[in-house]
């Protein structure tokens, strides 16, 4: 507060960020986010592109921004005990598509995690994504969605569970449209 004209006190807004910076405190949501180890990026791009090549969809590239958000969501799910998979809201992921995977810690290679999504290809009979087929093919069709150009993934490891979250831009699985 400062003294204004006539000696009255008035409130002066203080930028909370400035206070945090002076005190050396940065809220968790503002902390810089590492997009994960380069091995994760390389493996995820290679595996996704292998599935995409099978259907003639162009290659996708790694997005550090998507990976950052995916890692934060994987960590959040792990903080719930590692036994619950739930998608983030479209707003939380800024409209990006999202695939989730969980398994026993240390028992799966990255390729196997992605291949579990790709295995849904056996249930895809061509045609558009619909409410009737989405549950059976949605992970696969998101991976190979022709218009998708970027992927970013985050892996969280707990004592018993690993959780992989991948995010995609532009998002796929548009109802009524074909993936490729």
N, C-alpha and C. Protein backbone atom coordinates (compact mmCIF):
# COMPACT_ATOMS: atom_id res chain seq x y z
N UNK A 1 0.84 -1.18 0.00
CA UNK A 1 0.00 0.00 0.00
C UNK A 1 0.88 1.23 0.00
N UNK A 2 0.37 2.25 -0.62
CA UNK A 2 1.09 3.53 -0.65
C UNK A 2 0.11 4.63 -0.27
N UNK A 3 0.68 5.74 0.15
CA UNK A 3 -0.18 6.89 0.49
C UNK A 3 -0.51 7.64 -0.78
N UNK A 4 -1.80 7.86 -0.99
CA UNK A 4 -2.25 8.60 -2.16
C UNK A 4 -2.47 10.06 -1.81
N UNK A 5 -3.08 10.78 -2.73
CA UNK A 5 -3.39 12.20 -2.50
C UNK A 5 -4.27 12.32 -1.28
N UNK A 6 -4.03 13.28 -0.44
CA UNK A 6 -4.83 13.52 0.75
C UNK A 6 -4.48 12.56 1.88
N UNK A 7 -3.37 11.79 1.73
CA UNK A 7 -2.94 10.92 2.79
C UNK A 7 -3.71 9.61 2.90
N UNK A 8 -4.60 9.33 1.95
CA UNK A 8 -5.35 8.07 2.02
C UNK A 8 -4.48 6.94 1.47
N UNK A 9 -4.68 5.80 2.02
CA UNK A 9 -3.93 4.63 1.55
C UNK A 9 -4.67 4.00 0.37
N UNK A 10 -3.91 3.58 -0.63
CA UNK A 10 -4.51 2.88 -1.76
C UNK A 10 -3.69 1.62 -2.02
N UNK A 11 -4.38 0.64 -2.55
CA UNK A 11 -3.72 -0.63 -2.85
C UNK A 11 -3.02 -0.53 -4.21
N UNK A 12 -1.82 -1.04 -4.26
CA UNK A 12 -1.07 -1.08 -5.50
C UNK A 12 -0.91 -2.56 -5.87
N UNK A 13 -1.41 -2.93 -7.06
CA UNK A 13 -1.29 -4.34 -7.44
C UNK A 13 0.18 -4.73 -7.59
N UNK A 14 0.48 -5.90 -7.13
CA UNK A 14 1.84 -6.42 -7.22
C UNK A 14 1.79 -7.63 -8.15
N UNK A 15 2.66 -7.65 -9.08
CA UNK A 15 2.73 -8.78 -10.00
C UNK A 15 3.24 -10.00 -9.22
N UNK A 16 2.39 -10.99 -9.13
CA UNK A 16 2.75 -12.20 -8.39
C UNK A 16 3.99 -12.86 -8.97
N UNK A 17 4.11 -12.85 -10.29
CA UNK A 17 5.29 -13.45 -10.91
C UNK A 17 6.56 -12.74 -10.45
N UNK A 18 6.52 -11.43 -10.34
CA UNK A 18 7.71 -10.70 -9.90
C UNK A 18 8.09 -11.11 -8.49
N UNK A 19 7.11 -11.27 -7.65
CA UNK A 19 7.38 -11.70 -6.27
C UNK A 19 8.00 -13.09 -6.29
N UNK A 20 7.42 -14.01 -7.07
CA UNK A 20 7.97 -15.36 -7.14
C UNK A 20 9.41 -15.35 -7.64
N UNK A 21 9.69 -14.52 -8.64
CA UNK A 21 11.04 -14.46 -9.17
C UNK A 21 12.01 -13.91 -8.14
N UNK A 22 11.61 -12.87 -7.42
CA UNK A 22 12.48 -12.29 -6.40
C UNK A 22 12.76 -13.30 -5.30
N UNK A 23 11.73 -14.04 -4.93
CA UNK A 23 11.87 -15.03 -3.86
C UNK A 23 12.47 -16.34 -4.34
N UNK A 24 12.58 -16.49 -5.66
CA UNK A 24 13.12 -17.73 -6.20
C UNK A 24 12.11 -18.85 -6.20
N UNK A 25 10.85 -18.52 -6.13
CA UNK A 25 9.80 -19.53 -6.13
C UNK A 25 9.12 -19.51 -7.48
N UNK A 26 9.02 -20.66 -8.11
CA UNK A 26 8.34 -20.76 -9.39
C UNK A 26 7.27 -21.85 -9.23
N UNK A 27 6.03 -21.54 -9.54
CA UNK A 27 5.00 -22.55 -9.40
C UNK A 27 5.27 -23.73 -10.33
N UNK A 28 4.77 -24.92 -9.96
CA UNK A 28 5.03 -26.14 -10.72
C UNK A 28 4.61 -26.01 -12.17
N UNK A 29 3.52 -25.32 -12.44
CA UNK A 29 3.06 -25.20 -13.81
C UNK A 29 3.96 -24.30 -14.64
N UNK A 30 4.79 -23.49 -14.02
CA UNK A 30 5.66 -22.60 -14.76
C UNK A 30 7.06 -23.15 -14.89
N UNK A 31 7.36 -24.25 -14.21
CA UNK A 31 8.69 -24.83 -14.27
C UNK A 31 8.99 -25.33 -15.67
N UNK A 32 10.23 -25.17 -16.10
CA UNK A 32 10.57 -25.67 -17.42
C UNK A 32 10.37 -27.18 -17.46
N UNK A 33 10.01 -27.67 -18.62
CA UNK A 33 9.71 -29.08 -18.75
C UNK A 33 10.66 -29.70 -19.76
N UNK A 34 11.31 -30.74 -19.36
CA UNK A 34 12.16 -31.48 -20.28
C UNK A 34 11.27 -32.41 -21.10
N UNK A 35 11.55 -32.51 -22.37
CA UNK A 35 10.71 -33.34 -23.24
C UNK A 35 11.10 -34.81 -23.19
N UNK A 36 11.96 -35.18 -22.28
CA UNK A 36 12.35 -36.57 -22.13
C UNK A 36 13.69 -36.85 -22.79
N UNK A 37 14.19 -38.05 -22.56
CA UNK A 37 15.50 -38.40 -23.12
C UNK A 37 15.42 -38.52 -24.65
N UNK A 38 16.52 -38.23 -25.34
CA UNK A 38 16.52 -38.33 -26.80
C UNK A 38 16.15 -39.73 -27.30
N UNK A 39 16.48 -40.75 -26.51
CA UNK A 39 16.15 -42.12 -26.91
C UNK A 39 14.64 -42.31 -27.00
N UNK A 40 13.90 -41.67 -26.11
CA UNK A 40 12.45 -41.76 -26.15
C UNK A 40 11.92 -41.12 -27.43
N UNK A 41 12.41 -39.93 -27.73
CA UNK A 41 11.97 -39.23 -28.94
C UNK A 41 12.28 -40.06 -30.18
N UNK A 42 13.50 -40.55 -30.27
CA UNK A 42 13.91 -41.33 -31.44
C UNK A 42 13.06 -42.59 -31.60
N UNK A 43 12.84 -43.30 -30.51
CA UNK A 43 12.07 -44.54 -30.57
C UNK A 43 10.61 -44.27 -30.92
N UNK A 44 10.03 -43.24 -30.32
CA UNK A 44 8.62 -42.96 -30.58
C UNK A 44 8.39 -42.52 -32.02
N UNK A 45 9.26 -41.66 -32.54
CA UNK A 45 9.11 -41.22 -33.93
C UNK A 45 9.31 -42.41 -34.87
N UNK A 46 10.33 -43.22 -34.63
CA UNK A 46 10.60 -44.37 -35.50
C UNK A 46 9.44 -45.36 -35.49
N UNK A 47 8.91 -45.66 -34.31
CA UNK A 47 7.82 -46.63 -34.22
C UNK A 47 6.54 -46.11 -34.86
N UNK A 48 6.21 -44.86 -34.58
CA UNK A 48 5.02 -44.28 -35.20
C UNK A 48 5.17 -44.24 -36.72
N UNK A 49 6.34 -43.84 -37.19
CA UNK A 49 6.54 -43.75 -38.64
C UNK A 49 6.53 -45.11 -39.31
N UNK A 50 6.95 -46.14 -38.62
CA UNK A 50 6.87 -47.49 -39.19
C UNK A 50 5.41 -47.89 -39.42
N UNK A 51 4.55 -47.61 -38.47
CA UNK A 51 3.12 -47.90 -38.63
C UNK A 51 2.51 -47.03 -39.72
N UNK A 52 2.91 -45.79 -39.77
CA UNK A 52 2.38 -44.86 -40.77
C UNK A 52 2.80 -45.27 -42.18
N UNK A 53 4.03 -45.72 -42.34
CA UNK A 53 4.53 -46.12 -43.65
C UNK A 53 3.72 -47.30 -44.21
N UNK A 54 3.22 -48.16 -43.35
CA UNK A 54 2.44 -49.32 -43.81
C UNK A 54 1.17 -48.91 -44.56
N UNK A 55 0.66 -47.71 -44.27
CA UNK A 55 -0.59 -47.27 -44.91
C UNK A 55 -0.38 -46.05 -45.79
N UNK A 56 0.87 -45.69 -46.04
CA UNK A 56 1.16 -44.57 -46.92
C UNK A 56 0.98 -43.19 -46.30
N UNK A 57 0.88 -43.12 -44.98
CA UNK A 57 0.80 -41.82 -44.31
C UNK A 57 2.22 -41.28 -44.17
N UNK A 58 2.39 -39.99 -44.36
CA UNK A 58 3.72 -39.38 -44.27
C UNK A 58 4.29 -39.46 -42.87
N UNK A 59 5.59 -39.25 -42.77
CA UNK A 59 6.24 -39.31 -41.46
C UNK A 59 5.82 -38.15 -40.56
N UNK A 60 5.93 -38.38 -39.27
CA UNK A 60 5.67 -37.33 -38.29
C UNK A 60 6.99 -36.96 -37.61
N UNK A 61 7.01 -35.79 -37.01
CA UNK A 61 8.20 -35.28 -36.33
C UNK A 61 7.92 -35.15 -34.84
N UNK A 62 8.98 -35.08 -34.09
CA UNK A 62 8.91 -34.92 -32.63
C UNK A 62 8.58 -33.48 -32.27
N UNK A 63 7.71 -33.31 -31.29
CA UNK A 63 7.38 -31.99 -30.76
C UNK A 63 7.73 -31.96 -29.27
N UNK A 64 8.69 -31.12 -28.92
CA UNK A 64 9.08 -30.98 -27.51
C UNK A 64 7.92 -30.44 -26.69
N UNK A 65 7.12 -29.55 -27.27
CA UNK A 65 5.97 -29.00 -26.54
C UNK A 65 4.94 -30.08 -26.23
N UNK A 66 4.62 -30.91 -27.22
CA UNK A 66 3.68 -32.00 -26.96
C UNK A 66 4.25 -32.97 -25.94
N UNK A 67 5.54 -33.25 -26.06
CA UNK A 67 6.19 -34.17 -25.13
C UNK A 67 6.15 -33.65 -23.70
N UNK A 68 6.33 -32.36 -23.55
CA UNK A 68 6.29 -31.75 -22.22
C UNK A 68 4.93 -31.98 -21.56
N UNK A 69 3.87 -31.66 -22.29
CA UNK A 69 2.53 -31.87 -21.76
C UNK A 69 2.22 -33.34 -21.52
N UNK A 70 2.69 -34.20 -22.41
CA UNK A 70 2.47 -35.64 -22.26
C UNK A 70 3.18 -36.15 -21.01
N UNK A 71 4.40 -35.67 -20.79
CA UNK A 71 5.16 -36.11 -19.61
C UNK A 71 4.47 -35.65 -18.32
N UNK A 72 3.98 -34.43 -18.32
CA UNK A 72 3.29 -33.93 -17.14
C UNK A 72 2.04 -34.76 -16.86
N UNK A 73 1.31 -35.15 -17.92
CA UNK A 73 0.11 -35.95 -17.71
C UNK A 73 0.47 -37.36 -17.24
N UNK A 74 1.53 -37.94 -17.80
CA UNK A 74 1.98 -39.26 -17.35
C UNK A 74 2.38 -39.22 -15.87
N UNK A 75 3.09 -38.17 -15.49
CA UNK A 75 3.47 -38.02 -14.08
C UNK A 75 2.24 -37.87 -13.19
N UNK A 76 1.26 -37.11 -13.67
CA UNK A 76 0.03 -36.94 -12.90
C UNK A 76 -0.68 -38.28 -12.71
N UNK A 77 -0.80 -39.05 -13.78
CA UNK A 77 -1.45 -40.36 -13.67
C UNK A 77 -0.67 -41.27 -12.72
N UNK A 78 0.65 -41.18 -12.76
CA UNK A 78 1.46 -41.99 -11.85
C UNK A 78 1.23 -41.53 -10.41
N UNK A 79 1.02 -40.24 -10.20
CA UNK A 79 0.78 -39.73 -8.85
C UNK A 79 -0.53 -40.27 -8.27
N UNK A 80 -1.41 -40.74 -9.14
CA UNK A 80 -2.67 -41.34 -8.69
C UNK A 80 -2.49 -42.81 -8.30
N UNK A 81 -1.27 -43.29 -8.38
CA UNK A 81 -0.98 -44.66 -8.01
C UNK A 81 -0.57 -45.53 -9.18
N UNK A 82 -0.64 -45.01 -10.38
CA UNK A 82 -0.21 -45.75 -11.55
C UNK A 82 -1.17 -46.82 -12.02
N UNK A 83 -2.34 -46.86 -11.44
CA UNK A 83 -3.31 -47.90 -11.80
C UNK A 83 -4.52 -47.34 -12.53
N UNK A 84 -4.55 -46.05 -12.74
CA UNK A 84 -5.70 -45.40 -13.36
C UNK A 84 -5.26 -44.71 -14.64
N UNK A 85 -5.92 -45.03 -15.74
CA UNK A 85 -5.69 -44.32 -16.99
C UNK A 85 -6.93 -43.49 -17.29
N UNK A 86 -6.72 -42.23 -17.47
CA UNK A 86 -7.81 -41.35 -17.88
C UNK A 86 -7.22 -40.28 -18.78
N UNK A 87 -7.95 -39.96 -19.82
CA UNK A 87 -7.48 -38.93 -20.74
C UNK A 87 -7.60 -37.56 -20.10
N UNK A 88 -6.66 -36.70 -20.45
CA UNK A 88 -6.77 -35.30 -20.06
C UNK A 88 -7.88 -34.69 -20.90
N UNK A 89 -8.38 -33.57 -20.46
CA UNK A 89 -9.44 -32.92 -21.24
C UNK A 89 -8.82 -32.32 -22.51
N UNK A 90 -9.64 -32.13 -23.52
CA UNK A 90 -9.16 -31.51 -24.76
C UNK A 90 -8.57 -30.13 -24.48
N UNK A 91 -9.15 -29.41 -23.52
CA UNK A 91 -8.63 -28.09 -23.17
C UNK A 91 -7.25 -28.20 -22.54
N UNK A 92 -7.05 -29.20 -21.67
CA UNK A 92 -5.75 -29.37 -21.01
C UNK A 92 -4.65 -29.68 -22.02
N UNK A 93 -4.99 -30.37 -23.08
CA UNK A 93 -4.00 -30.71 -24.10
C UNK A 93 -4.12 -29.83 -25.32
N UNK A 94 -4.87 -28.75 -25.21
CA UNK A 94 -5.03 -27.74 -26.25
C UNK A 94 -5.45 -28.38 -27.58
N UNK A 95 -6.37 -29.34 -27.48
CA UNK A 95 -6.95 -29.96 -28.66
C UNK A 95 -6.13 -31.06 -29.30
N UNK A 96 -4.97 -31.35 -28.77
CA UNK A 96 -4.14 -32.41 -29.34
C UNK A 96 -4.80 -33.77 -29.10
N UNK A 97 -4.52 -34.72 -29.97
CA UNK A 97 -4.96 -36.09 -29.76
C UNK A 97 -4.10 -36.72 -28.67
N UNK A 98 -4.56 -37.84 -28.11
CA UNK A 98 -3.83 -38.43 -26.99
C UNK A 98 -4.05 -39.94 -26.95
N UNK A 99 -2.96 -40.68 -26.82
CA UNK A 99 -2.99 -42.12 -26.58
C UNK A 99 -2.37 -42.40 -25.23
N UNK A 100 -2.93 -43.37 -24.51
CA UNK A 100 -2.44 -43.76 -23.19
C UNK A 100 -2.11 -45.25 -23.19
N UNK A 101 -1.07 -45.60 -22.45
CA UNK A 101 -0.68 -47.00 -22.29
C UNK A 101 -0.15 -47.18 -20.88
N UNK A 102 -0.41 -48.35 -20.28
CA UNK A 102 0.17 -48.68 -18.97
C UNK A 102 0.52 -50.15 -18.94
N UNK A 103 1.58 -50.48 -18.23
CA UNK A 103 1.99 -51.87 -18.09
C UNK A 103 2.93 -52.02 -16.91
N UNK A 104 3.32 -53.26 -16.67
CA UNK A 104 4.21 -53.59 -15.56
C UNK A 104 5.58 -52.97 -15.80
N UNK A 105 6.09 -52.29 -14.81
CA UNK A 105 7.38 -51.60 -14.92
C UNK A 105 8.49 -52.57 -15.31
N UNK A 106 9.27 -52.17 -16.30
CA UNK A 106 10.44 -52.94 -16.69
C UNK A 106 10.17 -54.16 -17.56
N UNK A 107 8.94 -54.41 -17.92
CA UNK A 107 8.61 -55.60 -18.70
C UNK A 107 8.37 -55.34 -20.18
N UNK A 108 8.31 -54.07 -20.59
CA UNK A 108 7.98 -53.75 -21.97
C UNK A 108 9.00 -52.78 -22.55
N UNK A 109 9.35 -53.06 -23.82
CA UNK A 109 10.18 -52.12 -24.55
C UNK A 109 9.27 -51.05 -25.15
N UNK A 110 9.86 -49.91 -25.50
CA UNK A 110 9.07 -48.83 -26.10
C UNK A 110 8.33 -49.31 -27.35
N UNK A 111 8.99 -50.12 -28.15
CA UNK A 111 8.37 -50.65 -29.37
C UNK A 111 7.11 -51.44 -29.03
N UNK A 112 7.15 -52.23 -27.98
CA UNK A 112 5.98 -53.03 -27.60
C UNK A 112 4.82 -52.15 -27.14
N UNK A 113 5.15 -51.05 -26.48
CA UNK A 113 4.11 -50.12 -26.04
C UNK A 113 3.36 -49.56 -27.24
N UNK A 114 4.12 -49.07 -28.23
CA UNK A 114 3.50 -48.51 -29.43
C UNK A 114 2.80 -49.60 -30.23
N UNK A 115 3.42 -50.76 -30.32
CA UNK A 115 2.81 -51.87 -31.07
C UNK A 115 1.48 -52.31 -30.46
N UNK A 116 1.30 -52.11 -29.17
CA UNK A 116 0.00 -52.46 -28.57
C UNK A 116 -1.10 -51.59 -29.17
N UNK A 117 -0.79 -50.33 -29.46
CA UNK A 117 -1.76 -49.46 -30.13
C UNK A 117 -1.93 -49.89 -31.58
N UNK A 118 -0.82 -50.18 -32.22
CA UNK A 118 -0.86 -50.59 -33.62
C UNK A 118 -1.60 -51.89 -33.84
N UNK A 119 -1.63 -52.74 -32.82
CA UNK A 119 -2.31 -54.03 -32.96
C UNK A 119 -3.81 -53.87 -33.20
N UNK A 120 -4.34 -52.68 -32.93
CA UNK A 120 -5.76 -52.44 -33.20
C UNK A 120 -6.05 -52.43 -34.70
N UNK A 121 -5.01 -52.42 -35.51
CA UNK A 121 -5.20 -52.45 -36.96
C UNK A 121 -6.02 -53.67 -37.37
N UNK A 122 -5.86 -54.75 -36.65
CA UNK A 122 -6.60 -55.98 -36.98
C UNK A 122 -8.11 -55.77 -36.93
N UNK A 123 -8.56 -54.78 -36.15
CA UNK A 123 -9.99 -54.51 -36.03
C UNK A 123 -10.48 -53.41 -36.96
N UNK A 124 -9.54 -52.76 -37.66
CA UNK A 124 -9.94 -51.69 -38.57
C UNK A 124 -10.32 -52.29 -39.91
N UNK A 125 -11.51 -52.02 -40.35
CA UNK A 125 -12.05 -52.58 -41.59
C UNK A 125 -12.13 -51.53 -42.71
N UNK A 126 -11.44 -50.43 -42.56
CA UNK A 126 -11.53 -49.35 -43.53
C UNK A 126 -12.71 -48.47 -43.20
N UNK A 127 -12.82 -47.41 -43.92
CA UNK A 127 -13.94 -46.50 -43.70
C UNK A 127 -13.65 -45.49 -42.62
N UNK A 128 -14.66 -44.67 -42.34
CA UNK A 128 -14.47 -43.58 -41.37
C UNK A 128 -14.49 -44.07 -39.93
N UNK A 129 -13.93 -43.24 -39.06
CA UNK A 129 -14.01 -43.47 -37.62
C UNK A 129 -15.43 -43.11 -37.19
N UNK A 130 -16.04 -44.02 -36.42
CA UNK A 130 -17.41 -43.80 -35.94
C UNK A 130 -17.47 -44.06 -34.45
N UNK A 131 -18.59 -43.72 -33.87
CA UNK A 131 -18.78 -44.05 -32.45
C UNK A 131 -18.79 -45.56 -32.23
N UNK A 132 -19.20 -46.31 -33.24
CA UNK A 132 -19.25 -47.77 -33.12
C UNK A 132 -17.88 -48.42 -33.14
N UNK A 133 -16.92 -47.86 -33.90
CA UNK A 133 -15.62 -48.53 -34.00
C UNK A 133 -14.50 -47.84 -33.23
N UNK A 134 -14.74 -46.66 -32.74
CA UNK A 134 -13.70 -45.86 -32.10
C UNK A 134 -13.02 -46.59 -30.94
N UNK A 135 -13.78 -47.25 -30.09
CA UNK A 135 -13.21 -47.94 -28.92
C UNK A 135 -12.20 -49.02 -29.33
N UNK A 136 -12.44 -49.67 -30.46
CA UNK A 136 -11.59 -50.77 -30.89
C UNK A 136 -10.38 -50.33 -31.71
N UNK A 137 -10.46 -49.15 -32.35
CA UNK A 137 -9.41 -48.77 -33.30
C UNK A 137 -8.80 -47.40 -33.04
N UNK A 138 -9.28 -46.67 -32.05
CA UNK A 138 -8.91 -45.28 -31.86
C UNK A 138 -7.43 -45.01 -31.62
N UNK A 139 -6.73 -45.91 -30.93
CA UNK A 139 -5.29 -45.70 -30.72
C UNK A 139 -4.56 -45.84 -32.05
N UNK A 140 -4.90 -46.89 -32.78
CA UNK A 140 -4.27 -47.13 -34.07
C UNK A 140 -4.54 -45.99 -35.05
N UNK A 141 -5.80 -45.62 -35.19
CA UNK A 141 -6.12 -44.59 -36.18
C UNK A 141 -5.49 -43.25 -35.81
N UNK A 142 -5.34 -42.95 -34.52
CA UNK A 142 -4.66 -41.71 -34.14
C UNK A 142 -3.20 -41.76 -34.59
N UNK A 143 -2.54 -42.90 -34.42
CA UNK A 143 -1.14 -43.02 -34.80
C UNK A 143 -0.93 -42.81 -36.30
N UNK A 144 -1.87 -43.28 -37.11
CA UNK A 144 -1.67 -43.25 -38.57
C UNK A 144 -2.49 -42.17 -39.26
N UNK A 145 -3.13 -41.31 -38.49
CA UNK A 145 -3.98 -40.26 -39.08
C UNK A 145 -3.14 -39.42 -40.05
N UNK A 146 -3.56 -39.39 -41.30
CA UNK A 146 -2.76 -38.77 -42.36
C UNK A 146 -2.41 -37.31 -42.07
N UNK A 147 -3.32 -36.55 -41.53
CA UNK A 147 -3.09 -35.12 -41.31
C UNK A 147 -2.20 -34.82 -40.10
N UNK A 148 -1.96 -35.80 -39.24
CA UNK A 148 -1.12 -35.60 -38.07
C UNK A 148 0.33 -35.45 -38.51
N UNK A 149 1.01 -34.44 -38.00
CA UNK A 149 2.39 -34.18 -38.41
C UNK A 149 3.39 -34.20 -37.25
N UNK A 150 2.87 -34.18 -36.00
CA UNK A 150 3.77 -34.13 -34.85
C UNK A 150 3.30 -35.07 -33.76
N UNK A 151 4.27 -35.60 -33.03
CA UNK A 151 4.00 -36.43 -31.87
C UNK A 151 4.96 -36.01 -30.76
N UNK A 152 4.50 -36.13 -29.54
CA UNK A 152 5.34 -35.91 -28.36
C UNK A 152 4.86 -36.85 -27.28
N UNK A 153 5.77 -37.54 -26.64
CA UNK A 153 5.40 -38.57 -25.66
C UNK A 153 6.13 -38.36 -24.34
N UNK A 154 5.52 -38.83 -23.28
CA UNK A 154 6.12 -38.79 -21.96
C UNK A 154 5.94 -40.13 -21.29
N UNK A 155 6.97 -40.59 -20.60
CA UNK A 155 6.95 -41.88 -19.93
C UNK A 155 7.20 -41.66 -18.45
N UNK A 156 6.30 -42.17 -17.62
CA UNK A 156 6.48 -42.10 -16.17
C UNK A 156 6.67 -43.52 -15.65
N UNK A 157 7.63 -43.70 -14.78
CA UNK A 157 7.92 -45.03 -14.23
C UNK A 157 7.74 -45.00 -12.72
N UNK A 158 6.96 -45.94 -12.24
CA UNK A 158 6.78 -46.12 -10.82
C UNK A 158 7.38 -47.45 -10.42
N UNK A 159 7.26 -47.82 -9.16
CA UNK A 159 7.85 -49.08 -8.72
C UNK A 159 7.19 -50.31 -9.36
N UNK A 160 5.91 -50.21 -9.71
CA UNK A 160 5.22 -51.36 -10.29
C UNK A 160 4.68 -51.12 -11.70
N UNK A 161 4.56 -49.86 -12.09
CA UNK A 161 3.87 -49.52 -13.33
C UNK A 161 4.65 -48.51 -14.15
N UNK A 162 4.49 -48.59 -15.45
CA UNK A 162 4.96 -47.55 -16.36
C UNK A 162 3.74 -47.02 -17.10
N UNK A 163 3.74 -45.72 -17.35
CA UNK A 163 2.65 -45.09 -18.09
C UNK A 163 3.26 -44.28 -19.22
N UNK A 164 2.77 -44.55 -20.43
CA UNK A 164 3.19 -43.80 -21.61
C UNK A 164 2.01 -42.98 -22.09
N UNK A 165 2.26 -41.70 -22.32
CA UNK A 165 1.27 -40.80 -22.90
C UNK A 165 1.89 -40.21 -24.15
N UNK A 166 1.18 -40.30 -25.27
CA UNK A 166 1.61 -39.65 -26.50
C UNK A 166 0.52 -38.68 -26.93
N UNK A 167 0.95 -37.53 -27.40
CA UNK A 167 0.03 -36.51 -27.90
C UNK A 167 0.35 -36.21 -29.36
N UNK A 168 -0.69 -35.84 -30.09
CA UNK A 168 -0.60 -35.71 -31.54
C UNK A 168 -1.23 -34.40 -32.02
N UNK A 169 -0.54 -33.75 -32.97
CA UNK A 169 -1.08 -32.56 -33.62
C UNK A 169 -0.86 -32.65 -35.11
N UNK A 170 -1.83 -32.23 -35.87
CA UNK A 170 -3.21 -32.03 -35.45
C UNK A 170 -3.81 -33.36 -35.00
N UNK A 171 -4.79 -33.27 -34.14
CA UNK A 171 -5.45 -34.46 -33.62
C UNK A 171 -6.13 -35.23 -34.75
N UNK A 172 -6.19 -36.52 -34.57
CA UNK A 172 -6.89 -37.38 -35.52
C UNK A 172 -8.24 -37.79 -34.95
N UNK A 173 -8.73 -38.90 -35.48
CA UNK A 173 -9.98 -39.49 -35.01
C UNK A 173 -11.17 -38.54 -35.12
N UNK A 174 -11.25 -37.85 -36.23
CA UNK A 174 -12.41 -37.02 -36.49
C UNK A 174 -13.55 -37.93 -36.93
N UNK A 175 -14.63 -37.92 -36.18
CA UNK A 175 -15.76 -38.79 -36.50
C UNK A 175 -16.26 -38.52 -37.91
N UNK A 176 -16.51 -39.59 -38.62
CA UNK A 176 -17.02 -39.48 -39.98
C UNK A 176 -15.92 -39.35 -41.02
N UNK A 177 -14.66 -39.32 -40.60
CA UNK A 177 -13.55 -39.20 -41.55
C UNK A 177 -12.67 -40.44 -41.51
N UNK A 178 -12.01 -40.70 -42.62
CA UNK A 178 -11.09 -41.83 -42.71
C UNK A 178 -9.70 -41.39 -42.28
N UNK A 179 -8.95 -42.29 -41.62
CA UNK A 179 -7.62 -41.92 -41.13
C UNK A 179 -6.60 -41.70 -42.26
N UNK A 180 -6.76 -42.45 -43.35
CA UNK A 180 -5.81 -42.33 -44.46
C UNK A 180 -6.49 -42.69 -45.76
